[in-house]
Amino acid sequence: MQKWQVTFVDDHGVQSVEDFDCEQEPTLERAAQLVRAKLLPVSAELDLNDLDGRIEAPTLKSLKEQNSIQILRITPI
C-alpha cells in the first residue's frame, strides 16, 4: 500500500500535513474524509452531512465551511 501526504490548512490557519495509506491516490473528497476522521473523529462517526448525494464532494465542502479546514494538495511519499 502506498503512502500519501495530505497537506491542508487547519482551523487555526496553520498549514499541516498528515500521512495516509491508500492503494491509489485519494481524491480530494477521500482526502477530506481521511482528514476529518483523524482530526474530528466524533463528527466523522456521525452522519450530519445533509449534502450527501446532493452535491459533488460533500465532505470536502462541509469540512471547509463548517470547520475551516481546506485541503491544499495530495502528494505521494
PDB file of N, CA and C in Angstrom:
ATOM      1  N   MET A   1       0.850  -1.168   0.000  1.00  0.00           N
ATOM      2  CA  MET A   1       0.000   0.000   0.000  1.00  0.00           C
ATOM      3  C   MET A   1       0.904   1.242   0.000  1.00  0.00           C
ATOM      4  N   GLN A   2       0.536   2.203  -0.789  1.00  0.00           N
ATOM      5  CA  GLN A   2       1.340   3.415  -0.920  1.00  0.00           C
ATOM      6  C   GLN A   2       0.931   4.456   0.119  1.00  0.00           C
ATOM      7  N   LYS A   3       1.896   5.243   0.541  1.00  0.00           N
ATOM      8  CA  LYS A   3       1.628   6.336   1.484  1.00  0.00           C
ATOM      9  C   LYS A   3       1.418   7.630   0.702  1.00  0.00           C
ATOM     10  N   TRP A   4       0.461   8.414   1.174  1.00  0.00           N
ATOM     11  CA  TRP A   4       0.146   9.699   0.565  1.00  0.00           C
ATOM     12  C   TRP A   4       0.183  10.767   1.638  1.00  0.00           C
ATOM     13  N   GLN A   5       0.710  11.902   1.277  1.00  0.00           N
ATOM     14  CA  GLN A   5       0.803  13.031   2.195  1.00  0.00           C
ATOM     15  C   GLN A   5      -0.263  14.058   1.801  1.00  0.00           C
ATOM     16  N   VAL A   6      -1.138  14.367   2.743  1.00  0.00           N
ATOM     17  CA  VAL A   6      -2.204  15.336   2.504  1.00  0.00           C
ATOM     18  C   VAL A   6      -1.837  16.615   3.255  1.00  0.00           C
ATOM     19  N   THR A   7      -1.686  17.690   2.501  1.00  0.00           N
ATOM     20  CA  THR A   7      -1.363  18.994   3.080  1.00  0.00           C
ATOM     21  C   THR A   7      -2.649  19.813   3.116  1.00  0.00           C
ATOM     22  N   PHE A   8      -2.903  20.428   4.268  1.00  0.00           N
ATOM     23  CA  PHE A   8      -4.133  21.193   4.436  1.00  0.00           C
ATOM     24  C   PHE A   8      -3.899  22.357   5.391  1.00  0.00           C
ATOM     25  N   VAL A   9      -4.814  23.309   5.348  1.00  0.00           N
ATOM     26  CA  VAL A   9      -4.805  24.426   6.290  1.00  0.00           C
ATOM     27  C   VAL A   9      -5.863  24.094   7.332  1.00  0.00           C
ATOM     28  N   ASP A  10      -5.452  24.086   8.609  1.00  0.00           N
ATOM     29  CA  ASP A  10      -6.395  23.729   9.663  1.00  0.00           C
ATOM     30  C   ASP A  10      -7.240  24.921  10.099  1.00  0.00           C
ATOM     31  N   ASP A  11      -8.060  24.716  11.099  1.00  0.00           N
ATOM     32  CA  ASP A  11      -8.991  25.745  11.538  1.00  0.00           C
ATOM     33  C   ASP A  11      -8.331  26.940  12.220  1.00  0.00           C
ATOM     34  N   HIS A  12      -7.024  26.851  12.466  1.00  0.00           N
ATOM     35  CA  HIS A  12      -6.277  27.976  13.039  1.00  0.00           C
ATOM     36  C   HIS A  12      -5.452  28.702  11.977  1.00  0.00           C
ATOM     37  N   GLY A  13      -5.598  28.288  10.717  1.00  0.00           N
ATOM     38  CA  GLY A  13      -4.857  28.909   9.626  1.00  0.00           C
ATOM     39  C   GLY A  13      -3.441  28.394   9.483  1.00  0.00           C
ATOM     40  N   VAL A  14      -3.137  27.300  10.171  1.00  0.00           N
ATOM     41  CA  VAL A  14      -1.801  26.720  10.139  1.00  0.00           C
ATOM     42  C   VAL A  14      -1.771  25.595   9.106  1.00  0.00           C
ATOM     43  N   GLN A  15      -0.738  25.599   8.264  1.00  0.00           N
ATOM     44  CA  GLN A  15      -0.595  24.536   7.282  1.00  0.00           C
ATOM     45  C   GLN A  15      -0.095  23.282   7.988  1.00  0.00           C
ATOM     46  N   SER A  16      -0.792  22.174   7.796  1.00  0.00           N
ATOM     47  CA  SER A  16      -0.459  20.910   8.446  1.00  0.00           C
ATOM     48  C   SER A  16      -0.356  19.809   7.406  1.00  0.00           C
ATOM     49  N   VAL A  17       0.289  18.713   7.800  1.00  0.00           N
ATOM     50  CA  VAL A  17       0.474  17.571   6.911  1.00  0.00           C
ATOM     51  C   VAL A  17       0.138  16.299   7.675  1.00  0.00           C
ATOM     52  N   GLU A  18      -0.604  15.412   7.049  1.00  0.00           N
ATOM     53  CA  GLU A  18      -0.905  14.090   7.603  1.00  0.00           C
ATOM     54  C   GLU A  18      -0.592  13.050   6.538  1.00  0.00           C
ATOM     55  N   ASP A  19      -0.117  11.891   6.955  1.00  0.00           N
ATOM     56  CA  ASP A  19       0.187  10.792   6.048  1.00  0.00           C
ATOM     57  C   ASP A  19      -0.902   9.725   6.156  1.00  0.00           C
ATOM     58  N   PHE A  20      -1.288   9.171   5.000  1.00  0.00           N
ATOM     59  CA  PHE A  20      -2.318   8.141   4.959  1.00  0.00           C
ATOM     60  C   PHE A  20      -1.892   7.039   4.009  1.00  0.00           C
ATOM     61  N   ASP A  21      -2.323   5.814   4.286  1.00  0.00           N
ATOM     62  CA  ASP A  21      -2.075   4.671   3.412  1.00  0.00           C
ATOM     63  C   ASP A  21      -3.293   4.464   2.520  1.00  0.00           C
ATOM     64  N   CYS A  22      -3.071   4.442   1.210  1.00  0.00           N
ATOM     65  CA  CYS A  22      -4.145   4.200   0.245  1.00  0.00           C
ATOM     66  C   CYS A  22      -3.575   3.415  -0.924  1.00  0.00           C
ATOM     67  N   GLU A  23      -4.408   2.586  -1.533  1.00  0.00           N
ATOM     68  CA  GLU A  23      -3.995   1.811  -2.704  1.00  0.00           C
ATOM     69  C   GLU A  23      -3.605   2.731  -3.864  1.00  0.00           C
ATOM     70  N   GLN A  24      -4.408   3.756  -4.096  1.00  0.00           N
ATOM     71  CA  GLN A  24      -4.153   4.702  -5.176  1.00  0.00           C
ATOM     72  C   GLN A  24      -4.330   6.114  -4.641  1.00  0.00           C
ATOM     73  N   GLU A  25      -3.979   7.097  -5.435  1.00  0.00           N
ATOM     74  CA  GLU A  25      -4.068   8.487  -4.984  1.00  0.00           C
ATOM     75  C   GLU A  25      -5.504   8.813  -4.584  1.00  0.00           C
ATOM     76  N   PRO A  26      -5.686   9.299  -3.355  1.00  0.00           N
ATOM     77  CA  PRO A  26      -7.042   9.651  -2.933  1.00  0.00           C
ATOM     78  C   PRO A  26      -7.543  10.900  -3.656  1.00  0.00           C
ATOM     79  N   THR A  27      -8.822  10.930  -3.903  1.00  0.00           N
ATOM     80  CA  THR A  27      -9.436  12.129  -4.473  1.00  0.00           C
ATOM     81  C   THR A  27      -9.475  13.184  -3.374  1.00  0.00           C
ATOM     82  N   LEU A  28      -9.807  14.401  -3.724  1.00  0.00           N
ATOM     83  CA  LEU A  28      -9.949  15.448  -2.716  1.00  0.00           C
ATOM     84  C   LEU A  28     -11.043  15.086  -1.716  1.00  0.00           C
ATOM     85  N   GLU A  29     -12.130  14.482  -2.198  1.00  0.00           N
ATOM     86  CA  GLU A  29     -13.215  14.069  -1.311  1.00  0.00           C
ATOM     87  C   GLU A  29     -12.737  12.998  -0.328  1.00  0.00           C
ATOM     88  N   ARG A  30     -12.008  12.007  -0.827  1.00  0.00           N
ATOM     89  CA  ARG A  30     -11.493  10.940   0.039  1.00  0.00           C
ATOM     90  C   ARG A  30     -10.479  11.507   1.038  1.00  0.00           C
ATOM     91  N   ALA A  31      -9.634  12.429   0.591  1.00  0.00           N
ATOM     92  CA  ALA A  31      -8.667  13.068   1.478  1.00  0.00           C
ATOM     93  C   ALA A  31      -9.388  13.836   2.582  1.00  0.00           C
ATOM     94  N   ALA A  32     -10.475  14.505   2.231  1.00  0.00           N
ATOM     95  CA  ALA A  32     -11.269  15.233   3.230  1.00  0.00           C
ATOM     96  C   ALA A  32     -11.862  14.267   4.249  1.00  0.00           C
ATOM     97  N   GLN A  33     -12.315  13.103   3.804  1.00  0.00           N
ATOM     98  CA  GLN A  33     -12.851  12.102   4.722  1.00  0.00           C
ATOM     99  C   GLN A  33     -11.766  11.588   5.663  1.00  0.00           C
ATOM    100  N   LEU A  34     -10.562  11.357   5.137  1.00  0.00           N
ATOM    101  CA  LEU A  34      -9.448  10.879   5.956  1.00  0.00           C
ATOM    102  C   LEU A  34      -9.017  11.919   6.986  1.00  0.00           C
ATOM    103  N   VAL A  35      -8.924  13.160   6.553  1.00  0.00           N
ATOM    104  CA  VAL A  35      -8.526  14.247   7.460  1.00  0.00           C
ATOM    105  C   VAL A  35      -9.595  14.440   8.535  1.00  0.00           C
ATOM    106  N   ARG A  36     -10.854  14.417   8.144  1.00  0.00           N
ATOM    107  CA  ARG A  36     -11.944  14.580   9.117  1.00  0.00           C
ATOM    108  C   ARG A  36     -11.914  13.461  10.153  1.00  0.00           C
ATOM    109  N   ALA A  37     -11.683  12.235   9.723  1.00  0.00           N
ATOM    110  CA  ALA A  37     -11.633  11.109  10.650  1.00  0.00           C
ATOM    111  C   ALA A  37     -10.469  11.248  11.630  1.00  0.00           C
ATOM    112  N   LYS A  38      -9.363  11.809  11.160  1.00  0.00           N
ATOM    113  CA  LYS A  38      -8.186  11.986  12.014  1.00  0.00           C
ATOM    114  C   LYS A  38      -8.356  13.156  12.976  1.00  0.00           C
ATOM    115  N   LEU A  39      -8.828  14.289  12.479  1.00  0.00           N
ATOM    116  CA  LEU A  39      -8.925  15.498  13.301  1.00  0.00           C
ATOM    117  C   LEU A  39     -10.227  15.616  14.085  1.00  0.00           C
ATOM    118  N   LEU A  40     -11.296  15.121  13.514  1.00  0.00           N
ATOM    119  CA  LEU A  40     -12.623  15.270  14.118  1.00  0.00           C
ATOM    120  C   LEU A  40     -13.305  13.904  14.192  1.00  0.00           C
ATOM    121  N   PRO A  41     -12.775  12.978  14.983  1.00  0.00           N
ATOM    122  CA  PRO A  41     -13.298  11.605  14.962  1.00  0.00           C
ATOM    123  C   PRO A  41     -14.768  11.484  15.358  1.00  0.00           C
ATOM    124  N   VAL A  42     -15.245  12.333  16.233  1.00  0.00           N
ATOM    125  CA  VAL A  42     -16.647  12.250  16.647  1.00  0.00           C
ATOM    126  C   VAL A  42     -17.568  12.647  15.501  1.00  0.00           C
ATOM    127  N   SER A  43     -17.269  13.760  14.848  1.00  0.00           N
ATOM    128  CA  SER A  43     -18.127  14.193  13.739  1.00  0.00           C
ATOM    129  C   SER A  43     -17.984  13.266  12.536  1.00  0.00           C
ATOM    130  N   ALA A  44     -16.858  12.585  12.414  1.00  0.00           N
ATOM    131  CA  ALA A  44     -16.693  11.638  11.314  1.00  0.00           C
ATOM    132  C   ALA A  44     -17.605  10.425  11.510  1.00  0.00           C
ATOM    133  N   GLU A  45     -17.866  10.069  12.769  1.00  0.00           N
ATOM    134  CA  GLU A  45     -18.746   8.941  13.074  1.00  0.00           C
ATOM    135  C   GLU A  45     -20.217   9.283  12.871  1.00  0.00           C
ATOM    136  N   LEU A  46     -20.580  10.521  13.095  1.00  0.00           N
ATOM    137  CA  LEU A  46     -21.971  10.938  12.962  1.00  0.00           C
ATOM    138  C   LEU A  46     -22.296  11.265  11.514  1.00  0.00           C
ATOM    139  N   ASP A  47     -23.487  10.982  11.093  1.00  0.00           N
ATOM    140  CA  ASP A  47     -23.912  11.302   9.742  1.00  0.00           C
ATOM    141  C   ASP A  47     -24.693  12.616   9.785  1.00  0.00           C
ATOM    142  N   LEU A  48     -23.942  13.714   9.845  1.00  0.00           N
ATOM    143  CA  LEU A  48     -24.572  15.025   9.927  1.00  0.00           C
ATOM    144  C   LEU A  48     -24.555  15.756   8.588  1.00  0.00           C
ATOM    145  N   ASN A  49     -24.118  15.079   7.558  1.00  0.00           N
ATOM    146  CA  ASN A  49     -23.926  15.730   6.276  1.00  0.00           C
ATOM    147  C   ASN A  49     -25.189  15.617   5.422  1.00  0.00           C
ATOM    148  N   ASP A  50     -26.003  16.635   5.416  1.00  0.00           N
ATOM    149  CA  ASP A  50     -27.220  16.613   4.611  1.00  0.00           C
ATOM    150  C   ASP A  50     -26.949  16.905   3.143  1.00  0.00           C
ATOM    151  N   LEU A  51     -25.704  17.194   2.804  1.00  0.00           N
ATOM    152  CA  LEU A  51     -25.355  17.473   1.411  1.00  0.00           C
ATOM    153  C   LEU A  51     -25.038  16.200   0.627  1.00  0.00           C
ATOM    154  N   ASP A  52     -24.872  15.086   1.326  1.00  0.00           N
ATOM    155  CA  ASP A  52     -24.507  13.834   0.680  1.00  0.00           C
ATOM    156  C   ASP A  52     -25.548  13.446  -0.374  1.00  0.00           C
ATOM    157  N   GLY A  53     -25.072  13.230  -1.578  1.00  0.00           N
ATOM    158  CA  GLY A  53     -25.943  12.860  -2.678  1.00  0.00           C
ATOM    159  C   GLY A  53     -26.541  14.039  -3.415  1.00  0.00           C
ATOM    160  N   ARG A  54     -26.426  15.228  -2.838  1.00  0.00           N
ATOM    161  CA  ARG A  54     -26.993  16.411  -3.484  1.00  0.00           C
ATOM    162  C   ARG A  54     -25.939  17.250  -4.185  1.00  0.00           C
ATOM    163  N   ILE A  55     -24.712  17.206  -3.705  1.00  0.00           N
ATOM    164  CA  ILE A  55     -23.637  17.954  -4.345  1.00  0.00           C
ATOM    165  C   ILE A  55     -22.417  17.062  -4.473  1.00  0.00           C
ATOM    166  N   GLU A  56     -21.516  17.453  -5.350  1.00  0.00           N
ATOM    167  CA  GLU A  56     -20.269  16.727  -5.516  1.00  0.00           C
ATOM    168  C   GLU A  56     -19.338  17.090  -4.362  1.00  0.00           C
ATOM    169  N   ALA A  57     -18.643  16.122  -3.811  1.00  0.00           N
ATOM    170  CA  ALA A  57     -17.674  16.294  -2.729  1.00  0.00           C
ATOM    171  C   ALA A  57     -18.266  16.955  -1.479  1.00  0.00           C
ATOM    172  N   PRO A  58     -19.298  16.348  -0.890  1.00  0.00           N
ATOM    173  CA  PRO A  58     -19.935  16.968   0.276  1.00  0.00           C
ATOM    174  C   PRO A  58     -19.019  17.071   1.499  1.00  0.00           C
ATOM    175  N   THR A  59     -18.151  16.083   1.711  1.00  0.00           N
ATOM    176  CA  THR A  59     -17.256  16.132   2.873  1.00  0.00           C
ATOM    177  C   THR A  59     -16.256  17.262   2.719  1.00  0.00           C
ATOM    178  N   LEU A  60     -15.725  17.416   1.530  1.00  0.00           N
ATOM    179  CA  LEU A  60     -14.774  18.489   1.251  1.00  0.00           C
ATOM    180  C   LEU A  60     -15.421  19.848   1.506  1.00  0.00           C
ATOM    181  N   LYS A  61     -16.648  20.004   1.043  1.00  0.00           N
ATOM    182  CA  LYS A  61     -17.368  21.273   1.214  1.00  0.00           C
ATOM    183  C   LYS A  61     -17.690  21.547   2.682  1.00  0.00           C
ATOM    184  N   SER A  62     -18.206  20.562   3.388  1.00  0.00           N
ATOM    185  CA  SER A  62     -18.568  20.783   4.791  1.00  0.00           C
ATOM    186  C   SER A  62     -17.331  20.962   5.666  1.00  0.00           C
ATOM    187  N   LEU A  63     -16.252  20.280   5.345  1.00  0.00           N
ATOM    188  CA  LEU A  63     -15.013  20.447   6.108  1.00  0.00           C
ATOM    189  C   LEU A  63     -14.520  21.881   6.009  1.00  0.00           C
ATOM    190  N   LYS A  64     -14.628  22.456   4.827  1.00  0.00           N
ATOM    191  CA  LYS A  64     -14.182  23.836   4.630  1.00  0.00           C
ATOM    192  C   LYS A  64     -15.164  24.828   5.265  1.00  0.00           C
ATOM    193  N   GLU A  65     -16.447  24.653   5.036  1.00  0.00           N
ATOM    194  CA  GLU A  65     -17.434  25.618   5.514  1.00  0.00           C
ATOM    195  C   GLU A  65     -17.691  25.538   7.017  1.00  0.00           C
ATOM    196  N   GLN A  66     -17.727  24.339   7.568  1.00  0.00           N
ATOM    197  CA  GLN A  66     -18.065  24.179   8.977  1.00  0.00           C
ATOM    198  C   GLN A  66     -16.849  24.158   9.898  1.00  0.00           C
ATOM    199  N   ASN A  67     -15.705  23.690   9.382  1.00  0.00           N
ATOM    200  CA  ASN A  67     -14.534  23.531  10.236  1.00  0.00           C
ATOM    201  C   ASN A  67     -13.340  24.361   9.788  1.00  0.00           C
ATOM    202  N   SER A  68     -13.491  25.130   8.715  1.00  0.00           N
ATOM    203  CA  SER A  68     -12.413  25.982   8.190  1.00  0.00           C
ATOM    204  C   SER A  68     -11.142  25.203   7.882  1.00  0.00           C
ATOM    205  N   ILE A  69     -11.304  23.972   7.394  1.00  0.00           N
ATOM    206  CA  ILE A  69     -10.166  23.140   7.006  1.00  0.00           C
ATOM    207  C   ILE A  69     -10.207  22.988   5.496  1.00  0.00           C
ATOM    208  N   GLN A  70      -9.090  23.325   4.843  1.00  0.00           N
ATOM    209  CA  GLN A  70      -9.043  23.270   3.383  1.00  0.00           C
ATOM    210  C   GLN A  70      -7.880  22.400   2.934  1.00  0.00           C
ATOM    211  N   ILE A  71      -8.169  21.421   2.080  1.00  0.00           N
ATOM    212  CA  ILE A  71      -7.146  20.541   1.524  1.00  0.00           C
ATOM    213  C   ILE A  71      -6.390  21.319   0.458  1.00  0.00           C
ATOM    214  N   LEU A  72      -5.052  21.338   0.562  1.00  0.00           N
ATOM    215  CA  LEU A  72      -4.241  22.057  -0.410  1.00  0.00           C
ATOM    216  C   LEU A  72      -3.685  21.145  -1.495  1.00  0.00           C
ATOM    217  N   ARG A  73      -3.105  20.002  -1.077  1.00  0.00           N
ATOM    218  CA  ARG A  73      -2.535  19.101  -2.083  1.00  0.00           C
ATOM    219  C   ARG A  73      -2.364  17.702  -1.511  1.00  0.00           C
ATOM    220  N   ILE A  74      -2.234  16.757  -2.442  1.00  0.00           N
ATOM    221  CA  ILE A  74      -2.021  15.351  -2.108  1.00  0.00           C
ATOM    222  C   ILE A  74      -0.791  14.919  -2.892  1.00  0.00           C
ATOM    223  N   THR A  75       0.215  14.421  -2.203  1.00  0.00           N
ATOM    224  CA  THR A  75       1.446  14.010  -2.862  1.00  0.00           C
ATOM    225  C   THR A  75       1.873  12.630  -2.376  1.00  0.00           C
ATOM    226  N   PRO A  76       2.489  11.840  -3.247  1.00  0.00           N
ATOM    227  CA  PRO A  76       2.983  10.523  -2.822  1.00  0.00           C
ATOM    228  C   PRO A  76       4.238  10.680  -1.958  1.00  0.00           C
ATOM    229  N   ILE A  77       4.434   9.747  -1.062  1.00  0.00           N
ATOM    230  CA  ILE A  77       5.638   9.773  -0.215  1.00  0.00           C
ATOM    231  C   ILE A  77       6.620   8.756  -0.764  1.00  0.00           C
TER     232      ILE A  77
END
